[in-house]
Amino acid sequence: MSSSKRAPSQATTIDLLPAEELLRDLLLECRQQLATPELENLRLGSGSCQPEVRKEVYDGDCRTPETEFGTAEEDAFRRDATVNALFFDLQNRKVADFTRGGLDDLEAGIMRTPLEPRQTFLDDPLRVLRLIRIGSKLGFTLDPEALSCIKEHEIHVALDEKVSRERVGIEVFKMMKNRNLELSFSLIHETNLYGTVFLSLRSPLHEHLRHLLPQEPEKPWPATWSRTINTITTLAQDPAWDFWALMESEKQKDMLWAMVVYAPLAGPDTKDHKLAVDEAINALKGTRQLYKLIESSLGNLESIRSTMELVIGSTPSRGTIGMMIRKWGVFWGLQVLFSALGEIVYLKPRPESPAPSQGEIDKVLQRH
């Protein structure tokens, strides 16, 4: 039996390897009787039982491999990480570590690929995002060799070309629901995956944003996006901020982090934003609700910032402010946060400083 992790949470899948391969023979016989070659899973209650261990063969052009019955060791080496490749021998009541590194990595809190990282990621580039997501959820660190490999442009191109946007979106939205989400997004930034994951390297929006936020030497792109992650982390730790209620809402968590992801869209040129909305949603195959949120955030950006300046320069009536908020819609708080994060992304430091100070960032938040 193998488990995706050794952590205090309920297991959702169980993989079984029967003694003497009896179950395999039974299933092969059932296949012949039922005349269907697609019999691969047994459904028990609300979960599923996968009765076989497999080995996979990749042809290099597609992430969908040819699969066939294999040994437990072959099955272990096709996993995303060594800690995800541990089996439990029910007969002898002990853990079987076929990669000979899973238990050590589990103890040390390291996400390491069973095979050489380049082969692992080129075979199935989605493993890059799974390694980041699962490692962040568990609070584990990425193996330095795997981390270095993920940063390579060849891996980025493979992820962009071989993996569907639907699968990328599924991994990202899973990250948004996990604990340690800020670590997942920080790793995406550190490995220079922002353009690949949140836009697609082939998107015209990607090229447009690179003009607004030029590549800085020896830094991931966009270099200033990390400010938004740090800002949200800071806001989540201090109830004194007006944005605190947004930080605490589990129902809006994915929409909150979508504002973080697409804060670079809130740049100087926001008048023609249909391309930005379409490309952002297509990159992750987001929901209709998320589409409306990004559309409203960009469409109301000028109004939000004008209202902000009005409040700073005078004392408008509550009715005036109320009418503006009503116009922005039910998620007006997220839209105001989007405006603030966008301003922080494009905030230019003073000549004597390499980056804006925390005080300058706090002033942006206070104005909003």
Protein backbone atom coordinates (compact mmCIF):
# COMPACT_ATOMS: atom_id res chain seq x y z
CA MET A 1 0.00 0.00 0.00
CA SER A 2 1.34 3.45 -0.84
CA SER A 3 0.25 6.79 0.53
CA SER A 4 0.68 10.24 -1.00
CA LYS A 5 2.05 11.52 2.30
CA ARG A 6 2.58 10.55 5.90
CA ALA A 7 0.66 13.39 7.49
CA PRO A 8 -2.35 13.77 9.84
CA SER A 9 -5.04 13.97 7.14
CA GLN A 10 -7.59 11.55 5.73
CA ALA A 11 -6.41 9.47 2.79
CA THR A 12 -8.47 9.82 -0.39
CA THR A 13 -6.86 7.08 -2.48
CA ILE A 14 -5.40 3.67 -1.72
CA ASP A 15 -3.25 1.67 -4.16
CA LEU A 16 -3.15 -2.08 -3.65
CA LEU A 17 -0.58 -4.71 -4.65
CA PRO A 18 -2.06 -8.17 -3.97
CA ALA A 19 0.08 -11.09 -2.88
CA GLU A 20 0.94 -13.55 -5.67
CA GLU A 21 -0.71 -11.13 -8.10
CA LEU A 22 -4.04 -12.90 -7.58
CA LEU A 23 -6.07 -9.77 -8.07
CA ARG A 24 -4.27 -9.05 -11.33
CA ASP A 25 -5.21 -12.47 -12.71
CA LEU A 26 -8.79 -11.98 -11.55
CA LEU A 27 -9.07 -8.64 -13.28
CA LEU A 28 -7.61 -9.99 -16.50
CA GLU A 29 -10.21 -12.74 -16.45
CA CYS A 30 -12.95 -10.21 -15.77
CA ARG A 31 -11.77 -8.12 -18.70
CA GLN A 32 -12.22 -11.05 -21.03
CA GLN A 33 -15.67 -11.87 -19.66
CA LEU A 34 -16.86 -8.27 -19.83
CA ALA A 35 -15.22 -7.68 -23.23
CA THR A 36 -13.91 -4.25 -22.24
CA PRO A 37 -10.24 -3.21 -22.30
CA GLU A 38 -10.93 -0.17 -20.13
CA LEU A 39 -11.43 -2.00 -16.83
CA GLU A 40 -8.76 -0.44 -14.63
CA ASN A 41 -10.47 0.83 -11.45
CA LEU A 42 -12.79 -0.54 -8.83
CA ARG A 43 -15.11 1.95 -7.13
CA LEU A 44 -15.87 1.30 -3.50
CA GLY A 45 -18.32 3.69 -1.87
CA SER A 46 -17.34 7.26 -2.69
CA GLY A 47 -13.67 6.44 -3.35
CA SER A 48 -11.83 4.31 -5.86
CA CYS A 49 -9.46 1.40 -5.58
CA GLN A 50 -6.73 1.03 -8.18
CA PRO A 51 -5.92 -2.67 -8.25
CA GLU A 52 -2.64 -2.64 -10.14
CA VAL A 53 0.85 -1.25 -9.99
CA ARG A 54 2.08 0.14 -13.27
CA LYS A 55 5.10 1.17 -15.21
CA GLU A 56 4.98 4.01 -17.71
CA VAL A 57 6.80 4.60 -21.00
CA TYR A 58 6.95 8.12 -22.47
CA ASP A 59 7.57 8.93 -26.13
CA GLY A 60 8.92 12.44 -25.51
CA ASP A 61 6.18 14.36 -27.34
CA CYS A 62 3.26 13.72 -25.02
CA ARG A 63 2.86 13.62 -21.25
CA THR A 64 0.37 10.74 -21.52
CA PRO A 65 2.43 7.54 -21.27
CA GLU A 66 1.88 4.00 -22.42
CA THR A 67 1.05 2.04 -19.27
CA GLU A 68 1.24 -1.66 -18.50
CA PHE A 69 1.37 -3.91 -15.48
CA GLY A 70 4.63 -3.54 -13.62
CA THR A 71 6.33 -4.32 -10.36
CA ALA A 72 6.02 -2.37 -7.14
CA GLU A 73 9.53 -1.00 -7.69
CA GLU A 74 8.66 0.19 -11.21
CA ASP A 75 5.53 1.81 -9.81
CA ALA A 76 7.55 3.58 -7.12
CA PHE A 77 9.95 5.13 -9.61
CA ARG A 78 7.13 6.62 -11.70
CA ARG A 79 5.96 8.72 -8.74
CA ASP A 80 6.43 12.48 -8.42
CA ALA A 81 8.61 12.28 -5.31
CA THR A 82 10.39 9.71 -3.16
CA VAL A 83 8.13 10.53 -0.19
CA ASN A 84 5.17 9.72 -2.44
CA ALA A 85 6.63 6.33 -3.37
CA LEU A 86 6.52 4.49 -0.05
CA PHE A 87 4.63 1.19 0.15
CA PHE A 88 3.39 -0.62 3.22
CA ASP A 89 3.85 -4.38 3.22
CA LEU A 90 0.70 -5.66 4.96
CA GLN A 91 2.03 -9.20 5.33
CA ASN A 92 5.32 -8.23 6.98
CA ARG A 93 3.93 -5.01 8.48
CA LYS A 94 6.76 -2.75 7.39
CA VAL A 95 7.37 0.11 4.98
CA ALA A 96 8.88 -0.80 1.62
CA ASP A 97 11.12 2.01 0.33
CA PHE A 98 11.96 0.92 -3.21
CA THR A 99 13.61 4.24 -4.12
CA ARG A 100 15.91 3.78 -1.10
CA GLY A 101 15.52 7.44 -0.24
CA GLY A 102 11.88 7.98 0.63
CA LEU A 103 12.12 7.41 4.37
CA ASP A 104 15.20 9.61 4.71
CA ASP A 105 13.56 12.37 2.66
CA LEU A 106 10.37 12.07 4.70
CA GLU A 107 12.36 12.46 7.90
CA ALA A 108 14.32 15.42 6.52
CA GLY A 109 11.28 17.08 4.90
CA ILE A 110 12.69 17.05 1.35
CA MET A 111 10.82 16.74 -1.95
CA ARG A 112 13.11 14.77 -4.27
CA THR A 113 12.27 13.05 -7.56
CA PRO A 114 12.84 9.25 -7.67
CA LEU A 115 14.57 9.57 -11.04
CA GLU A 116 16.90 12.28 -12.34
CA PRO A 117 14.89 15.55 -12.21
CA ARG A 118 15.28 16.45 -15.87
CA GLN A 119 13.94 13.08 -17.03
CA THR A 120 11.12 13.27 -14.49
CA PHE A 121 9.99 16.75 -15.55
CA LEU A 122 10.41 16.28 -19.29
CA ASP A 123 8.44 13.01 -19.16
CA ASP A 124 5.56 14.78 -17.41
CA PRO A 125 6.11 18.54 -16.86
CA LEU A 126 3.04 18.75 -14.63
CA ARG A 127 5.20 17.09 -11.96
CA VAL A 128 6.86 20.48 -11.54
CA LEU A 129 3.65 21.97 -10.17
CA ARG A 130 2.75 18.88 -8.17
CA LEU A 131 6.16 18.89 -6.50
CA ILE A 132 5.71 22.56 -5.58
CA ARG A 133 2.12 22.10 -4.39
CA ILE A 134 2.62 18.99 -2.28
CA GLY A 135 5.94 20.16 -0.89
CA SER A 136 4.48 23.50 0.15
CA LYS A 137 1.42 21.88 1.71
CA LEU A 138 3.64 19.66 3.85
CA GLY A 139 6.13 22.43 4.61
CA PHE A 140 8.91 20.48 2.87
CA THR A 141 11.80 21.99 0.92
CA LEU A 142 12.63 21.13 -2.68
CA ASP A 143 15.77 19.15 -3.37
CA PRO A 144 18.39 21.65 -4.69
CA GLU A 145 18.95 19.61 -7.85
CA ALA A 146 15.22 19.53 -8.59
CA LEU A 147 14.88 23.24 -7.80
CA SER A 148 17.73 24.09 -10.16
CA CYS A 149 16.20 21.96 -12.91
CA ILE A 150 12.78 23.60 -12.54
CA LYS A 151 14.38 26.99 -13.27
CA GLU A 152 15.57 25.89 -16.71
CA HIS A 153 13.84 27.35 -19.76
CA GLU A 154 13.60 23.92 -21.40
CA ILE A 155 11.39 22.73 -18.54
CA HIS A 156 9.24 25.87 -18.80
CA VAL A 157 8.69 25.29 -22.52
CA ALA A 158 7.78 21.64 -21.91
CA LEU A 159 5.25 22.64 -19.26
CA ASP A 160 3.79 25.28 -21.58
CA GLU A 161 3.53 23.03 -24.63
CA LYS A 162 2.82 19.53 -23.27
CA VAL A 163 0.36 20.24 -20.45
CA SER A 164 -3.17 21.51 -21.05
CA ARG A 165 -4.22 24.78 -19.45
CA GLU A 166 -6.99 22.88 -17.66
CA ARG A 167 -4.42 20.71 -15.85
CA VAL A 168 -2.31 23.75 -14.97
CA GLY A 169 -5.39 25.47 -13.59
CA ILE A 170 -6.36 22.46 -11.49
CA GLU A 171 -2.94 22.45 -9.81
CA VAL A 172 -3.02 26.21 -9.19
CA PHE A 173 -6.51 26.15 -7.68
CA LYS A 174 -5.47 23.23 -5.47
CA MET A 175 -2.57 25.38 -4.27
CA MET A 176 -5.02 28.17 -3.45
CA LYS A 177 -6.93 25.86 -1.11
CA ASN A 178 -3.86 24.48 0.66
CA ARG A 179 -2.06 25.75 3.70
CA ASN A 180 1.31 27.42 3.06
CA LEU A 181 -0.09 28.88 -0.16
CA GLU A 182 2.35 31.78 -0.03
CA LEU A 183 5.21 29.25 -0.17
CA SER A 184 3.77 27.69 -3.35
CA PHE A 185 3.55 31.06 -5.09
CA SER A 186 6.98 32.12 -3.82
CA LEU A 187 8.46 28.98 -5.39
CA ILE A 188 6.64 29.68 -8.66
CA HIS A 189 8.22 33.13 -8.62
CA GLU A 190 11.67 31.92 -7.56
CA THR A 191 11.76 29.35 -10.37
CA ASN A 192 10.72 32.00 -12.93
CA LEU A 193 7.47 30.20 -13.72
CA TYR A 194 5.10 33.17 -13.48
CA GLY A 195 4.76 33.63 -17.24
CA THR A 196 4.47 29.90 -17.92
CA VAL A 197 1.89 29.14 -15.24
CA PHE A 198 -0.27 32.25 -15.01
CA LEU A 199 -0.12 33.47 -18.62
CA SER A 200 1.42 30.93 -21.06
CA LEU A 201 4.64 31.73 -22.86
CA ARG A 202 2.66 31.95 -26.11
CA SER A 203 0.16 34.51 -24.81
CA PRO A 204 0.20 38.04 -26.30
CA LEU A 205 -0.46 39.28 -22.77
CA HIS A 206 2.87 37.79 -21.70
CA GLU A 207 4.72 39.89 -24.27
CA HIS A 208 2.72 43.00 -23.33
CA LEU A 209 3.56 42.68 -19.63
CA ARG A 210 7.24 42.15 -20.36
CA HIS A 211 7.27 45.62 -21.92
CA LEU A 212 5.63 47.11 -18.83
CA LEU A 213 7.80 45.14 -16.41
CA PRO A 214 11.16 44.54 -18.15
CA GLN A 215 13.31 41.57 -17.16
CA GLU A 216 15.86 42.50 -14.52
CA PRO A 217 19.29 40.81 -14.66
CA GLU A 218 19.65 37.68 -12.52
CA LYS A 219 16.08 38.00 -11.20
CA PRO A 220 12.90 36.01 -11.87
CA TRP A 221 10.21 37.76 -13.88
CA PRO A 222 8.37 39.87 -12.97
CA ALA A 223 10.81 40.84 -10.25
CA THR A 224 8.33 43.09 -8.42
CA TRP A 225 5.56 40.48 -8.21
CA SER A 226 7.07 39.05 -5.02
CA ARG A 227 5.99 42.27 -3.29
CA THR A 228 2.36 41.20 -3.57
CA ILE A 229 3.02 37.85 -1.87
CA ASN A 230 4.89 39.58 0.94
CA THR A 231 2.11 42.16 1.27
CA ILE A 232 -0.64 39.56 1.60
CA THR A 233 1.42 37.64 4.15
CA THR A 234 1.85 40.84 6.17
CA LEU A 235 -1.85 41.74 5.98
CA ALA A 236 -2.85 38.25 7.11
CA GLN A 237 -0.79 38.64 10.28
CA ASP A 238 -2.18 42.02 11.39
CA PRO A 239 -5.91 42.43 12.23
CA ALA A 240 -5.45 46.21 12.36
CA TRP A 241 -5.53 46.47 8.57
CA ASP A 242 -8.88 47.18 6.88
CA PHE A 243 -8.18 44.27 4.52
CA TRP A 244 -8.15 41.81 7.45
CA ALA A 245 -11.69 40.55 6.78
CA LEU A 246 -10.67 39.55 3.25
CA MET A 247 -7.69 37.62 4.61
CA GLU A 248 -9.94 35.64 6.97
CA SER A 249 -12.58 34.60 4.43
CA GLU A 250 -12.07 30.98 3.37
CA LYS A 251 -14.87 31.27 0.80
CA GLN A 252 -13.01 34.04 -1.03
CA LYS A 253 -9.53 32.58 -0.65
CA ASP A 254 -9.11 31.59 -4.30
CA MET A 255 -10.43 34.95 -5.50
CA LEU A 256 -8.15 36.79 -3.07
CA TRP A 257 -5.10 35.00 -4.43
CA ALA A 258 -6.28 35.55 -7.99
CA MET A 259 -5.93 39.27 -7.20
CA VAL A 260 -2.36 38.56 -6.10
CA VAL A 261 -1.63 36.54 -9.24
CA TYR A 262 -2.91 39.15 -11.66
CA ALA A 263 -1.85 42.32 -9.85
CA PRO A 264 0.66 43.03 -12.68
CA LEU A 265 -2.36 43.60 -14.96
CA ALA A 266 -3.16 46.75 -12.97
CA GLY A 267 -0.48 48.70 -14.79
CA PRO A 268 -0.48 52.08 -16.51
CA ASP A 269 -2.54 50.88 -19.50
CA THR A 270 -5.88 49.56 -18.29
CA LYS A 271 -8.38 51.12 -20.74
CA ASP A 272 -8.48 48.19 -23.20
CA HIS A 273 -8.55 45.29 -20.79
CA LYS A 274 -10.56 42.63 -22.66
CA LEU A 275 -7.38 40.92 -23.89
CA ALA A 276 -6.01 40.84 -20.35
CA VAL A 277 -9.18 39.31 -18.92
CA ASP A 278 -9.52 36.71 -21.68
CA GLU A 279 -5.87 35.64 -21.54
CA ALA A 280 -5.79 35.47 -17.73
CA ILE A 281 -8.89 33.28 -17.55
CA ASN A 282 -7.76 31.09 -20.44
CA ALA A 283 -4.39 30.51 -18.75
CA LEU A 284 -6.02 28.80 -15.76
CA LYS A 285 -9.43 27.95 -17.24
CA GLY A 286 -11.00 29.87 -14.39
CA THR A 287 -14.67 30.02 -13.48
CA ARG A 288 -17.22 32.51 -14.75
CA GLN A 289 -17.19 34.15 -11.32
CA LEU A 290 -13.44 34.65 -11.50
CA TYR A 291 -13.79 36.06 -15.02
CA LYS A 292 -16.30 38.63 -13.74
CA LEU A 293 -14.05 39.52 -10.82
CA ILE A 294 -10.99 40.20 -12.98
CA GLU A 295 -13.15 42.03 -15.52
CA SER A 296 -14.66 44.23 -12.79
CA SER A 297 -11.29 44.79 -11.12
CA LEU A 298 -9.80 46.16 -14.34
CA GLY A 299 -12.96 47.93 -15.48
CA ASN A 300 -13.39 49.74 -12.15
CA LEU A 301 -9.70 50.41 -11.54
CA GLU A 302 -9.78 54.03 -12.70
CA SER A 303 -12.96 54.69 -10.71
CA ILE A 304 -11.48 53.14 -7.56
CA ARG A 305 -8.32 55.20 -7.77
CA SER A 306 -10.25 58.40 -8.53
CA THR A 307 -12.49 57.79 -5.53
CA MET A 308 -9.43 57.14 -3.39
CA GLU A 309 -7.95 60.51 -4.42
CA LEU A 310 -11.31 62.18 -3.75
CA VAL A 311 -11.35 60.83 -0.21
CA ILE A 312 -7.78 61.96 0.39
CA GLY A 313 -8.33 65.46 -1.02
CA SER A 314 -11.73 66.22 0.52
CA THR A 315 -14.51 64.82 2.64
CA PRO A 316 -17.13 63.36 0.29
CA SER A 317 -20.50 62.37 1.69
CA ARG A 318 -21.21 58.81 2.74
CA GLY A 319 -23.84 58.71 0.01
CA THR A 320 -21.26 59.51 -2.66
CA ILE A 321 -18.93 56.78 -1.46
CA GLY A 322 -21.85 54.37 -1.10
CA MET A 323 -22.96 54.90 -4.69
CA MET A 324 -19.46 54.18 -5.96
CA ILE A 325 -19.18 50.99 -3.92
CA ARG A 326 -22.59 49.86 -5.15
CA LYS A 327 -21.42 50.43 -8.71
CA TRP A 328 -18.30 48.31 -8.17
CA GLY A 329 -20.38 45.33 -7.05
CA VAL A 330 -20.42 42.75 -4.29
CA PHE A 331 -16.69 42.02 -4.46
CA TRP A 332 -15.67 45.66 -4.22
CA GLY A 333 -13.26 44.92 -1.36
CA LEU A 334 -11.24 42.53 -3.51
CA GLN A 335 -11.20 45.10 -6.31
CA VAL A 336 -9.80 47.76 -3.97
CA LEU A 337 -7.15 45.27 -2.85
CA PHE A 338 -6.34 44.58 -6.52
CA SER A 339 -5.79 48.30 -7.07
CA ALA A 340 -3.44 48.47 -4.07
CA LEU A 341 -1.45 45.39 -5.10
CA GLY A 342 -1.15 46.68 -8.66
CA GLU A 343 0.20 49.98 -7.42
CA ILE A 344 2.70 48.13 -5.24
CA VAL A 345 3.91 46.06 -8.22
CA TYR A 346 4.64 49.23 -10.20
CA LEU A 347 5.90 51.28 -7.24
CA LYS A 348 9.27 52.76 -8.15
CA PRO A 349 11.90 52.96 -5.41
CA ARG A 350 13.80 56.07 -4.53
CA PRO A 351 17.08 56.59 -6.44
CA GLU A 352 19.16 55.64 -3.42
CA SER A 353 17.21 52.43 -2.73
CA PRO A 354 17.00 49.17 -4.75
CA ALA A 355 13.38 48.60 -3.69
CA PRO A 356 10.51 50.49 -2.03
CA SER A 357 10.64 50.53 1.74
CA GLN A 358 7.98 48.85 3.84
CA GLY A 359 6.87 52.33 4.86
CA GLU A 360 6.20 53.27 1.22
CA ILE A 361 4.22 50.08 0.69
CA ASP A 362 2.23 50.72 3.88
CA LYS A 363 1.31 54.18 2.58
CA VAL A 364 -0.19 52.61 -0.55
CA LEU A 365 -2.27 50.26 1.60
CA GLN A 366 -3.38 53.07 3.91
CA ARG A 367 -4.56 55.19 0.97
CA HIS A 368 -6.75 52.32 -0.13
